[in-house]
Amino acid sequence: MTETREMTAVEANVLNMIVNKGTFEEPVKAKRIKEKIGLSKRGLEEIIETLRVFYKHPIVAKKTQPSGYYIPRNEDERMAGTAPYRKQILTEQNNLAAVMSVDLSEYWKGETA
């Protein structure tokens, strides 16, 4: 069963800033949102995650300059905005595979406890 609830005023304010101020060419900077609404870095990240996952708004973050948040208007903008996430996932998968591939018995062989 999916939980349903009204969007909070803060969530709505963040969404409105991204929708009304953010474009692919000029995304809205996280700093601007945090200052305008009074959020911490983590607070903004949590709200963005809620807007994406719970409310299904396809918010992405552009990491190159000018950086910031926007909602893509086409597939090219979506792909550009999700590229950093895909790269991060691949990096984490590689890190996990590297750690899991080590035979711990062999690694610690000969060590004294």
PDB file of N, CA and C in Angstrom:
ATOM      1  N   MET A   1       0.833  -1.176   0.000  1.00  0.00           N
ATOM      2  CA  MET A   1       0.000   0.000   0.000  1.00  0.00           C
ATOM      3  C   MET A   1       0.883   1.246   0.000  1.00  0.00           C
ATOM      4  N   THR A   2       0.646   2.163  -0.916  1.00  0.00           N
ATOM      5  CA  THR A   2       1.437   3.373  -1.040  1.00  0.00           C
ATOM      6  C   THR A   2       0.863   4.460  -0.144  1.00  0.00           C
ATOM      7  N   GLU A   3       1.761   5.069   0.611  1.00  0.00           N
ATOM      8  CA  GLU A   3       1.366   6.161   1.488  1.00  0.00           C
ATOM      9  C   GLU A   3       1.025   7.379   0.642  1.00  0.00           C
ATOM     10  N   THR A   4      -0.028   8.076   1.001  1.00  0.00           N
ATOM     11  CA  THR A   4      -0.361   9.320   0.322  1.00  0.00           C
ATOM     12  C   THR A   4      -0.446  10.424   1.353  1.00  0.00           C
ATOM     13  N   ARG A   5       0.066  11.571   0.985  1.00  0.00           N
ATOM     14  CA  ARG A   5      -0.019  12.729   1.851  1.00  0.00           C
ATOM     15  C   ARG A   5       0.131  13.976   1.010  1.00  0.00           C
ATOM     16  N   GLU A   6      -0.342  15.075   1.536  1.00  0.00           N
ATOM     17  CA  GLU A   6      -0.187  16.354   0.860  1.00  0.00           C
ATOM     18  C   GLU A   6       1.276  16.784   0.928  1.00  0.00           C
ATOM     19  N   MET A   7       1.731  17.431  -0.099  1.00  0.00           N
ATOM     20  CA  MET A   7       3.077  17.979  -0.121  1.00  0.00           C
ATOM     21  C   MET A   7       3.156  19.082   0.932  1.00  0.00           C
ATOM     22  N   THR A   8       4.250  19.120   1.686  1.00  0.00           N
ATOM     23  CA  THR A   8       4.417  20.181   2.681  1.00  0.00           C
ATOM     24  C   THR A   8       4.678  21.504   1.972  1.00  0.00           C
ATOM     25  N   ALA A   9       4.509  22.591   2.706  1.00  0.00           N
ATOM     26  CA  ALA A   9       4.759  23.917   2.143  1.00  0.00           C
ATOM     27  C   ALA A   9       6.215  24.057   1.709  1.00  0.00           C
ATOM     28  N   VAL A  10       7.134  23.524   2.489  1.00  0.00           N
ATOM     29  CA  VAL A  10       8.562  23.610   2.149  1.00  0.00           C
ATOM     30  C   VAL A  10       8.846  22.812   0.880  1.00  0.00           C
ATOM     31  N   GLU A  11       8.292  21.606   0.784  1.00  0.00           N
ATOM     32  CA  GLU A  11       8.465  20.797  -0.432  1.00  0.00           C
ATOM     33  C   GLU A  11       7.911  21.532  -1.646  1.00  0.00           C
ATOM     34  N   ALA A  12       6.734  22.125  -1.493  1.00  0.00           N
ATOM     35  CA  ALA A  12       6.105  22.864  -2.598  1.00  0.00           C
ATOM     36  C   ALA A  12       6.953  24.075  -2.990  1.00  0.00           C
ATOM     37  N   ASN A  13       7.528  24.761  -2.006  1.00  0.00           N
ATOM     38  CA  ASN A  13       8.379  25.918  -2.298  1.00  0.00           C
ATOM     39  C   ASN A  13       9.632  25.513  -3.063  1.00  0.00           C
ATOM     40  N   VAL A  14      10.248  24.406  -2.659  1.00  0.00           N
ATOM     41  CA  VAL A  14      11.443  23.910  -3.366  1.00  0.00           C
ATOM     42  C   VAL A  14      11.064  23.541  -4.797  1.00  0.00           C
ATOM     43  N   LEU A  15       9.988  22.794  -4.953  1.00  0.00           N
ATOM     44  CA  LEU A  15       9.542  22.397  -6.287  1.00  0.00           C
ATOM     45  C   LEU A  15       9.254  23.614  -7.150  1.00  0.00           C
ATOM     46  N   ASN A  16       8.549  24.594  -6.601  1.00  0.00           N
ATOM     47  CA  ASN A  16       8.218  25.796  -7.369  1.00  0.00           C
ATOM     48  C   ASN A  16       9.472  26.552  -7.814  1.00  0.00           C
ATOM     49  N   MET A  17      10.473  26.618  -6.945  1.00  0.00           N
ATOM     50  CA  MET A  17      11.717  27.295  -7.343  1.00  0.00           C
ATOM     51  C   MET A  17      12.381  26.569  -8.503  1.00  0.00           C
ATOM     52  N   ILE A  18      12.404  25.245  -8.434  1.00  0.00           N
ATOM     53  CA  ILE A  18      13.048  24.474  -9.506  1.00  0.00           C
ATOM     54  C   ILE A  18      12.256  24.590 -10.803  1.00  0.00           C
ATOM     55  N   VAL A  19      10.947  24.464 -10.722  1.00  0.00           N
ATOM     56  CA  VAL A  19      10.099  24.545 -11.920  1.00  0.00           C
ATOM     57  C   VAL A  19      10.156  25.943 -12.537  1.00  0.00           C
ATOM     58  N   ASN A  20      10.094  26.973 -11.701  1.00  0.00           N
ATOM     59  CA  ASN A  20       9.986  28.343 -12.204  1.00  0.00           C
ATOM     60  C   ASN A  20      11.320  29.032 -12.465  1.00  0.00           C
ATOM     61  N   LYS A  21      12.382  28.576 -11.815  1.00  0.00           N
ATOM     62  CA  LYS A  21      13.685  29.259 -11.948  1.00  0.00           C
ATOM     63  C   LYS A  21      14.747  28.400 -12.620  1.00  0.00           C
ATOM     64  N   GLY A  22      14.541  27.098 -12.686  1.00  0.00           N
ATOM     65  CA  GLY A  22      15.572  26.219 -13.205  1.00  0.00           C
ATOM     66  C   GLY A  22      15.315  25.739 -14.616  1.00  0.00           C
ATOM     67  N   THR A  23      16.322  25.890 -15.462  1.00  0.00           N
ATOM     68  CA  THR A  23      16.283  25.338 -16.817  1.00  0.00           C
ATOM     69  C   THR A  23      17.599  24.605 -17.030  1.00  0.00           C
ATOM     70  N   PHE A  24      17.682  23.841 -18.099  1.00  0.00           N
ATOM     71  CA  PHE A  24      18.929  23.162 -18.421  1.00  0.00           C
ATOM     72  C   PHE A  24      20.049  24.184 -18.609  1.00  0.00           C
ATOM     73  N   GLU A  25      19.737  25.280 -19.296  1.00  0.00           N
ATOM     74  CA  GLU A  25      20.732  26.309 -19.571  1.00  0.00           C
ATOM     75  C   GLU A  25      21.127  27.075 -18.316  1.00  0.00           C
ATOM     76  N   GLU A  26      20.180  27.312 -17.440  1.00  0.00           N
ATOM     77  CA  GLU A  26      20.416  28.051 -16.190  1.00  0.00           C
ATOM     78  C   GLU A  26      19.686  27.370 -15.033  1.00  0.00           C
ATOM     79  N   PRO A  27      20.245  26.278 -14.533  1.00  0.00           N
ATOM     80  CA  PRO A  27      19.594  25.597 -13.411  1.00  0.00           C
ATOM     81  C   PRO A  27      19.636  26.456 -12.144  1.00  0.00           C
ATOM     82  N   VAL A  28      18.715  26.191 -11.235  1.00  0.00           N
ATOM     83  CA  VAL A  28      18.686  26.951  -9.980  1.00  0.00           C
ATOM     84  C   VAL A  28      19.694  26.327  -9.017  1.00  0.00           C
ATOM     85  N   LYS A  29      20.556  27.164  -8.491  1.00  0.00           N
ATOM     86  CA  LYS A  29      21.626  26.695  -7.605  1.00  0.00           C
ATOM     87  C   LYS A  29      21.070  26.252  -6.260  1.00  0.00           C
ATOM     88  N   ALA A  30      21.665  25.190  -5.725  1.00  0.00           N
ATOM     89  CA  ALA A  30      21.266  24.699  -4.404  1.00  0.00           C
ATOM     90  C   ALA A  30      21.406  25.806  -3.366  1.00  0.00           C
ATOM     91  N   LYS A  31      22.475  26.575  -3.457  1.00  0.00           N
ATOM     92  CA  LYS A  31      22.715  27.673  -2.496  1.00  0.00           C
ATOM     93  C   LYS A  31      21.546  28.655  -2.495  1.00  0.00           C
ATOM     94  N   ARG A  32      21.042  28.972  -3.677  1.00  0.00           N
ATOM     95  CA  ARG A  32      19.918  29.909  -3.784  1.00  0.00           C
ATOM     96  C   ARG A  32      18.669  29.346  -3.120  1.00  0.00           C
ATOM     97  N   ILE A  33      18.402  28.057  -3.364  1.00  0.00           N
ATOM     98  CA  ILE A  33      17.224  27.416  -2.751  1.00  0.00           C
ATOM     99  C   ILE A  33      17.385  27.397  -1.238  1.00  0.00           C
ATOM    100  N   LYS A  34      18.546  26.968  -0.761  1.00  0.00           N
ATOM    101  CA  LYS A  34      18.783  26.870   0.688  1.00  0.00           C
ATOM    102  C   LYS A  34      18.614  28.229   1.359  1.00  0.00           C
ATOM    103  N   GLU A  35      19.176  29.277   0.773  1.00  0.00           N
ATOM    104  CA  GLU A  35      19.081  30.616   1.361  1.00  0.00           C
ATOM    105  C   GLU A  35      17.647  31.135   1.336  1.00  0.00           C
ATOM    106  N   LYS A  36      16.976  30.962   0.211  1.00  0.00           N
ATOM    107  CA  LYS A  36      15.614  31.497   0.048  1.00  0.00           C
ATOM    108  C   LYS A  36      14.625  30.810   0.991  1.00  0.00           C
ATOM    109  N   ILE A  37      14.787  29.490   1.165  1.00  0.00           N
ATOM    110  CA  ILE A  37      13.807  28.720   1.941  1.00  0.00           C
ATOM    111  C   ILE A  37      14.284  28.436   3.362  1.00  0.00           C
ATOM    112  N   GLY A  38      15.587  28.577   3.602  1.00  0.00           N
ATOM    113  CA  GLY A  38      16.116  28.351   4.945  1.00  0.00           C
ATOM    114  C   GLY A  38      16.365  26.888   5.243  1.00  0.00           C
ATOM    115  N   LEU A  39      17.060  26.222   4.334  1.00  0.00           N
ATOM    116  CA  LEU A  39      17.334  24.794   4.497  1.00  0.00           C
ATOM    117  C   LEU A  39      18.828  24.535   4.632  1.00  0.00           C
ATOM    118  N   SER A  40      19.147  23.440   5.296  1.00  0.00           N
ATOM    119  CA  SER A  40      20.527  22.956   5.323  1.00  0.00           C
ATOM    120  C   SER A  40      20.776  22.184   4.035  1.00  0.00           C
ATOM    121  N   LYS A  41      22.040  21.867   3.783  1.00  0.00           N
ATOM    122  CA  LYS A  41      22.388  21.059   2.613  1.00  0.00           C
ATOM    123  C   LYS A  41      21.648  19.731   2.662  1.00  0.00           C
ATOM    124  N   ARG A  42      21.705  19.076   3.818  1.00  0.00           N
ATOM    125  CA  ARG A  42      21.047  17.772   3.970  1.00  0.00           C
ATOM    126  C   ARG A  42      19.525  17.899   3.866  1.00  0.00           C
ATOM    127  N   GLY A  43      18.978  18.958   4.438  1.00  0.00           N
ATOM    128  CA  GLY A  43      17.526  19.175   4.357  1.00  0.00           C
ATOM    129  C   GLY A  43      17.059  19.315   2.921  1.00  0.00           C
ATOM    130  N   LEU A  44      17.823  20.070   2.122  1.00  0.00           N
ATOM    131  CA  LEU A  44      17.474  20.227   0.704  1.00  0.00           C
ATOM    132  C   LEU A  44      17.583  18.893  -0.021  1.00  0.00           C
ATOM    133  N   GLU A  45      18.643  18.142   0.246  1.00  0.00           N
ATOM    134  CA  GLU A  45      18.819  16.838  -0.404  1.00  0.00           C
ATOM    135  C   GLU A  45      17.668  15.899  -0.080  1.00  0.00           C
ATOM    136  N   GLU A  46      17.210  15.914   1.163  1.00  0.00           N
ATOM    137  CA  GLU A  46      16.086  15.052   1.563  1.00  0.00           C
ATOM    138  C   GLU A  46      14.801  15.457   0.848  1.00  0.00           C
ATOM    139  N   ILE A  47      14.576  16.755   0.718  1.00  0.00           N
ATOM    140  CA  ILE A  47      13.373  17.228   0.029  1.00  0.00           C
ATOM    141  C   ILE A  47      13.432  16.874  -1.455  1.00  0.00           C
ATOM    142  N   ILE A  48      14.591  17.056  -2.078  1.00  0.00           N
ATOM    143  CA  ILE A  48      14.744  16.697  -3.494  1.00  0.00           C
ATOM    144  C   ILE A  48      14.455  15.206  -3.677  1.00  0.00           C
ATOM    145  N   GLU A  49      14.983  14.372  -2.785  1.00  0.00           N
ATOM    146  CA  GLU A  49      14.734  12.932  -2.870  1.00  0.00           C
ATOM    147  C   GLU A  49      13.246  12.622  -2.735  1.00  0.00           C
ATOM    148  N   THR A  50      12.568  13.279  -1.803  1.00  0.00           N
ATOM    149  CA  THR A  50      11.125  13.077  -1.628  1.00  0.00           C
ATOM    150  C   THR A  50      10.360  13.504  -2.881  1.00  0.00           C
ATOM    151  N   LEU A  51      10.735  14.650  -3.444  1.00  0.00           N
ATOM    152  CA  LEU A  51      10.061  15.120  -4.646  1.00  0.00           C
ATOM    153  C   LEU A  51      10.259  14.153  -5.809  1.00  0.00           C
ATOM    154  N   ARG A  52      11.434  13.545  -5.878  1.00  0.00           N
ATOM    155  CA  ARG A  52      11.709  12.579  -6.953  1.00  0.00           C
ATOM    156  C   ARG A  52      10.971  11.264  -6.732  1.00  0.00           C
ATOM    157  N   VAL A  53      11.192  10.678  -5.575  1.00  0.00           N
ATOM    158  CA  VAL A  53      10.738   9.307  -5.323  1.00  0.00           C
ATOM    159  C   VAL A  53       9.255   9.247  -4.973  1.00  0.00           C
ATOM    160  N   PHE A  54       8.820  10.099  -4.086  1.00  0.00           N
ATOM    161  CA  PHE A  54       7.446  10.040  -3.593  1.00  0.00           C
ATOM    162  C   PHE A  54       6.460  10.722  -4.542  1.00  0.00           C
ATOM    163  N   TYR A  55       6.859  11.907  -5.052  1.00  0.00           N
ATOM    164  CA  TYR A  55       5.951  12.685  -5.886  1.00  0.00           C
ATOM    165  C   TYR A  55       6.239  12.568  -7.386  1.00  0.00           C
ATOM    166  N   LYS A  56       7.293  11.821  -7.746  1.00  0.00           N
ATOM    167  CA  LYS A  56       7.615  11.506  -9.146  1.00  0.00           C
ATOM    168  C   LYS A  56       7.939  12.727 -10.014  1.00  0.00           C
ATOM    169  N   HIS A  57       8.615  13.721  -9.436  1.00  0.00           N
ATOM    170  CA  HIS A  57       9.095  14.853 -10.220  1.00  0.00           C
ATOM    171  C   HIS A  57      10.507  14.510 -10.690  1.00  0.00           C
ATOM    172  N   PRO A  58      10.782  14.556 -11.989  1.00  0.00           N
ATOM    173  CA  PRO A  58      12.078  14.113 -12.524  1.00  0.00           C
ATOM    174  C   PRO A  58      13.185  15.166 -12.371  1.00  0.00           C
ATOM    175  N   ILE A  59      13.411  15.595 -11.149  1.00  0.00           N
ATOM    176  CA  ILE A  59      14.418  16.622 -10.871  1.00  0.00           C
ATOM    177  C   ILE A  59      15.808  16.014 -11.030  1.00  0.00           C
ATOM    178  N   VAL A  60      16.661  16.723 -11.763  1.00  0.00           N
ATOM    179  CA  VAL A  60      18.046  16.307 -11.927  1.00  0.00           C
ATOM    180  C   VAL A  60      18.949  17.469 -11.536  1.00  0.00           C
ATOM    181  N   ALA A  61      20.236  17.153 -11.352  1.00  0.00           N
ATOM    182  CA  ALA A  61      21.202  18.181 -10.987  1.00  0.00           C
ATOM    183  C   ALA A  61      22.304  18.226 -12.032  1.00  0.00           C
ATOM    184  N   LYS A  62      22.551  19.393 -12.540  1.00  0.00           N
ATOM    185  CA  LYS A  62      23.644  19.607 -13.485  1.00  0.00           C
ATOM    186  C   LYS A  62      24.892  19.884 -12.658  1.00  0.00           C
ATOM    187  N   LYS A  63      25.946  19.105 -12.883  1.00  0.00           N
ATOM    188  CA  LYS A  63      27.170  19.235 -12.092  1.00  0.00           C
ATOM    189  C   LYS A  63      28.185  20.165 -12.749  1.00  0.00           C
ATOM    190  N   THR A  64      28.096  20.346 -14.075  1.00  0.00           N
ATOM    191  CA  THR A  64      28.995  21.259 -14.759  1.00  0.00           C
ATOM    192  C   THR A  64      28.430  22.673 -14.668  1.00  0.00           C
ATOM    193  N   GLN A  65      29.279  23.662 -14.907  1.00  0.00           N
ATOM    194  CA  GLN A  65      28.831  25.049 -14.798  1.00  0.00           C
ATOM    195  C   GLN A  65      28.006  25.455 -16.012  1.00  0.00           C
ATOM    196  N   PRO A  66      26.926  26.166 -15.837  1.00  0.00           N
ATOM    197  CA  PRO A  66      26.351  26.533 -14.555  1.00  0.00           C
ATOM    198  C   PRO A  66      25.646  25.333 -13.915  1.00  0.00           C
ATOM    199  N   SER A  67      25.911  25.095 -12.658  1.00  0.00           N
ATOM    200  CA  SER A  67      25.374  23.924 -11.972  1.00  0.00           C
ATOM    201  C   SER A  67      24.081  24.274 -11.244  1.00  0.00           C
ATOM    202  N   GLY A  68      23.318  23.229 -10.909  1.00  0.00           N
ATOM    203  CA  GLY A  68      22.091  23.425 -10.156  1.00  0.00           C
ATOM    204  C   GLY A  68      21.027  22.425 -10.556  1.00  0.00           C
ATOM    205  N   TYR A  69      19.822  22.648 -10.034  1.00  0.00           N
ATOM    206  CA  TYR A  69      18.694  21.752 -10.255  1.00  0.00           C
ATOM    207  C   TYR A  69      17.788  22.255 -11.369  1.00  0.00           C
ATOM    208  N   TYR A  70      17.212  21.300 -12.092  1.00  0.00           N
ATOM    209  CA  TYR A  70      16.225  21.613 -13.125  1.00  0.00           C
ATOM    210  C   TYR A  70      15.402  20.366 -13.402  1.00  0.00           C
ATOM    211  N   ILE A  71      14.289  20.554 -14.110  1.00  0.00           N
ATOM    212  CA  ILE A  71      13.483  19.435 -14.582  1.00  0.00           C
ATOM    213  C   ILE A  71      13.670  19.380 -16.089  1.00  0.00           C
ATOM    214  N   PRO A  72      14.184  18.254 -16.593  1.00  0.00           N
ATOM    215  CA  PRO A  72      14.455  18.170 -18.034  1.00  0.00           C
ATOM    216  C   PRO A  72      13.191  18.278 -18.866  1.00  0.00           C
ATOM    217  N   ARG A  73      13.353  18.917 -20.027  1.00  0.00           N
ATOM    218  CA  ARG A  73      12.228  19.094 -20.957  1.00  0.00           C
ATOM    219  C   ARG A  73      12.285  18.100 -22.111  1.00  0.00           C
ATOM    220  N   ASN A  74      13.416  17.404 -22.246  1.00  0.00           N
ATOM    221  CA  ASN A  74      13.540  16.410 -23.307  1.00  0.00           C
ATOM    222  C   ASN A  74      14.545  15.344 -22.870  1.00  0.00           C
ATOM    223  N   GLU A  75      14.689  14.325 -23.701  1.00  0.00           N
ATOM    224  CA  GLU A  75      15.546  13.189 -23.328  1.00  0.00           C
ATOM    225  C   GLU A  75      17.017  13.576 -23.237  1.00  0.00           C
ATOM    226  N   ASP A  76      17.479  14.484 -24.094  1.00  0.00           N
ATOM    227  CA  ASP A  76      18.877  14.930 -24.021  1.00  0.00           C
ATOM    228  C   ASP A  76      19.166  15.606 -22.682  1.00  0.00           C
ATOM    229  N   GLU A  77      18.248  16.456 -22.240  1.00  0.00           N
ATOM    230  CA  GLU A  77      18.429  17.125 -20.942  1.00  0.00           C
ATOM    231  C   GLU A  77      18.367  16.119 -19.795  1.00  0.00           C
ATOM    232  N   ARG A  78      17.491  15.123 -19.923  1.00  0.00           N
ATOM    233  CA  ARG A  78      17.413  14.086 -18.887  1.00  0.00           C
ATOM    234  C   ARG A  78      18.721  13.304 -18.818  1.00  0.00           C
ATOM    235  N   MET A  79      19.239  12.906 -19.978  1.00  0.00           N
ATOM    236  CA  MET A  79      20.478  12.130 -20.008  1.00  0.00           C
ATOM    237  C   MET A  79      21.645  12.938 -19.443  1.00  0.00           C
ATOM    238  N   ALA A  80      21.711  14.219 -19.770  1.00  0.00           N
ATOM    239  CA  ALA A  80      22.772  15.077 -19.226  1.00  0.00           C
ATOM    240  C   ALA A  80      22.651  15.188 -17.711  1.00  0.00           C
ATOM    241  N   GLY A  81      21.429  15.300 -17.225  1.00  0.00           N
ATOM    242  CA  GLY A  81      21.203  15.452 -15.787  1.00  0.00           C
ATOM    243  C   GLY A  81      21.390  14.180 -14.986  1.00  0.00           C
ATOM    244  N   THR A  82      21.252  13.032 -15.643  1.00  0.00           N
ATOM    245  CA  THR A  82      21.421  11.761 -14.919  1.00  0.00           C
ATOM    246  C   THR A  82      22.816  11.169 -15.092  1.00  0.00           C
ATOM    247  N   ALA A  83      23.625  11.740 -15.968  1.00  0.00           N
ATOM    248  CA  ALA A  83      24.981  11.213 -16.194  1.00  0.00           C
ATOM    249  C   ALA A  83      25.803  11.117 -14.906  1.00  0.00           C
ATOM    250  N   PRO A  84      25.792  12.147 -14.040  1.00  0.00           N
ATOM    251  CA  PRO A  84      26.575  12.025 -12.799  1.00  0.00           C
ATOM    252  C   PRO A  84      26.087  10.889 -11.896  1.00  0.00           C
ATOM    253  N   TYR A  85      24.775  10.648 -11.866  1.00  0.00           N
ATOM    254  CA  TYR A  85      24.240   9.555 -11.045  1.00  0.00           C
ATOM    255  C   TYR A  85      24.686   8.202 -11.593  1.00  0.00           C
ATOM    256  N   ARG A  86      24.625   8.073 -12.930  1.00  0.00           N
ATOM    257  CA  ARG A  86      25.050   6.812 -13.538  1.00  0.00           C
ATOM    258  C   ARG A  86      26.530   6.562 -13.278  1.00  0.00           C
ATOM    259  N   LYS A  87      27.349   7.593 -13.383  1.00  0.00           N
ATOM    260  CA  LYS A  87      28.785   7.456 -13.127  1.00  0.00           C
ATOM    261  C   LYS A  87      29.043   7.061 -11.670  1.00  0.00           C
ATOM    262  N   GLN A  88      28.325   7.691 -10.751  1.00  0.00           N
ATOM    263  CA  GLN A  88      28.482   7.379  -9.327  1.00  0.00           C
ATOM    264  C   GLN A  88      28.085   5.929  -9.039  1.00  0.00           C
ATOM    265  N   ILE A  89      27.004   5.471  -9.649  1.00  0.00           N
ATOM    266  CA  ILE A  89      26.561   4.086  -9.458  1.00  0.00           C
ATOM    267  C   ILE A  89      27.620   3.115  -9.960  1.00  0.00           C
ATOM    268  N   LEU A  90      28.185   3.388 -11.135  1.00  0.00           N
ATOM    269  CA  LEU A  90      29.232   2.511 -11.672  1.00  0.00           C
ATOM    270  C   LEU A  90      30.464   2.497 -10.771  1.00  0.00           C
ATOM    271  N   THR A  91      30.838   3.660 -10.264  1.00  0.00           N
ATOM    272  CA  THR A  91      31.983   3.740  -9.353  1.00  0.00           C
ATOM    273  C   THR A  91      31.718   2.914  -8.091  1.00  0.00           C
ATOM    274  N   GLU A  92      30.533   3.044  -7.520  1.00  0.00           N
ATOM    275  CA  GLU A  92      30.184   2.290  -6.307  1.00  0.00           C
ATOM    276  C   GLU A  92      30.135   0.787  -6.595  1.00  0.00           C
ATOM    277  N   GLN A  93      29.614   0.412  -7.763  1.00  0.00           N
ATOM    278  CA  GLN A  93      29.594  -1.007  -8.132  1.00  0.00           C
ATOM    279  C   GLN A  93      31.016  -1.550  -8.250  1.00  0.00           C
ATOM    280  N   ASN A  94      31.918  -0.779  -8.842  1.00  0.00           N
ATOM    281  CA  ASN A  94      33.316  -1.190  -8.954  1.00  0.00           C
ATOM    282  C   ASN A  94      33.970  -1.317  -7.580  1.00  0.00           C
ATOM    283  N   ASN A  95      33.690  -0.362  -6.683  1.00  0.00           N
ATOM    284  CA  ASN A  95      34.229  -0.432  -5.325  1.00  0.00           C
ATOM    285  C   ASN A  95      33.723  -1.667  -4.593  1.00  0.00           C
ATOM    286  N   LEU A  96      32.432  -1.933  -4.705  1.00  0.00           N
ATOM    287  CA  LEU A  96      31.849  -3.099  -4.055  1.00  0.00           C
ATOM    288  C   LEU A  96      32.456  -4.380  -4.610  1.00  0.00           C
ATOM    289  N   ALA A  97      32.565  -4.471  -5.934  1.00  0.00           N
ATOM    290  CA  ALA A  97      33.141  -5.669  -6.559  1.00  0.00           C
ATOM    291  C   ALA A  97      34.585  -5.877  -6.106  1.00  0.00           C
ATOM    292  N   ALA A  98      35.356  -4.796  -5.995  1.00  0.00           N
ATOM    293  CA  ALA A  98      36.755  -4.904  -5.565  1.00  0.00           C
ATOM    294  C   ALA A  98      36.844  -5.438  -4.139  1.00  0.00           C
ATOM    295  N   VAL A  99      36.033  -4.900  -3.241  1.00  0.00           N
ATOM    296  CA  VAL A  99      36.062  -5.346  -1.842  1.00  0.00           C
ATOM    297  C   VAL A  99      35.583  -6.792  -1.720  1.00  0.00           C
ATOM    298  N   MET A 100      34.534  -7.138  -2.455  1.00  0.00           N
ATOM    299  CA  MET A 100      33.976  -8.484  -2.360  1.00  0.00           C
ATOM    300  C   MET A 100      34.855  -9.537  -3.023  1.00  0.00           C
ATOM    301  N   SER A 101      35.732  -9.137  -3.934  1.00  0.00           N
ATOM    302  CA  SER A 101      36.568 -10.103  -4.644  1.00  0.00           C
ATOM    303  C   SER A 101      37.770 -10.577  -3.823  1.00  0.00           C
ATOM    304  N   VAL A 102      38.046  -9.914  -2.720  1.00  0.00           N
ATOM    305  CA  VAL A 102      39.203 -10.277  -1.904  1.00  0.00           C
ATOM    306  C   VAL A 102      38.865 -11.477  -1.023  1.00  0.00           C
ATOM    307  N   ASP A 103      39.699 -12.500  -1.105  1.00  0.00           N
ATOM    308  CA  ASP A 103      39.573 -13.671  -0.233  1.00  0.00           C
ATOM    309  C   ASP A 103      40.166 -13.275   1.113  1.00  0.00           C
ATOM    310  N   LEU A 104      39.320 -13.100   2.107  1.00  0.00           N
ATOM    311  CA  LEU A 104      39.785 -12.612   3.411  1.00  0.00           C
ATOM    312  C   LEU A 104      40.722 -13.592   4.101  1.00  0.00           C
ATOM    313  N   SER A 105      40.511 -14.893   3.923  1.00  0.00           N
ATOM    314  CA  SER A 105      41.423 -15.876   4.516  1.00  0.00           C
ATOM    315  C   SER A 105      42.815 -15.711   3.943  1.00  0.00           C
ATOM    316  N   GLU A 106      42.897 -15.518   2.629  1.00  0.00           N
ATOM    317  CA  GLU A 106      44.202 -15.317   1.972  1.00  0.00           C
ATOM    318  C   GLU A 106      44.812 -13.980   2.381  1.00  0.00           C
ATOM    319  N   TYR A 107      43.967 -12.971   2.449  1.00  0.00           N
ATOM    320  CA  TYR A 107      44.437 -11.623   2.779  1.00  0.00           C
ATOM    321  C   TYR A 107      45.115 -11.605   4.144  1.00  0.00           C
ATOM    322  N   TRP A 108      44.513 -12.289   5.115  1.00  0.00           N
ATOM    323  CA  TRP A 108      45.020 -12.265   6.482  1.00  0.00           C
ATOM    324  C   TRP A 108      45.942 -13.435   6.793  1.00  0.00           C
ATOM    325  N   LYS A 109      46.220 -14.270   5.827  1.00  0.00           N
ATOM    326  CA  LYS A 109      47.086 -15.430   6.027  1.00  0.00           C
ATOM    327  C   LYS A 109      48.457 -14.960   6.539  1.00  0.00           C
ATOM    328  N   GLY A 110      48.900 -15.596   7.597  1.00  0.00           N
ATOM    329  CA  GLY A 110      50.207 -15.256   8.140  1.00  0.00           C
ATOM    330  C   GLY A 110      50.180 -14.112   9.144  1.00  0.00           C
ATOM    331  N   GLU A 111      49.039 -13.427   9.271  1.00  0.00           N
ATOM    332  CA  GLU A 111      48.951 -12.350  10.266  1.00  0.00           C
ATOM    333  C   GLU A 111      48.744 -12.968  11.646  1.00  0.00           C
ATOM    334  N   THR A 112      49.254 -12.312  12.633  1.00  0.00           N
ATOM    335  CA  THR A 112      49.026 -12.771  14.006  1.00  0.00           C
ATOM    336  C   THR A 112      47.862 -11.992  14.592  1.00  0.00           C
ATOM    337  N   ALA A 113      47.055 -12.686  15.339  1.00  0.00           N
ATOM    338  CA  ALA A 113      45.884 -12.064  15.912  1.00  0.00           C
ATOM    339  C   ALA A 113      46.226 -11.293  17.164  1.00  0.00           C
TER     340      ALA A 113
END
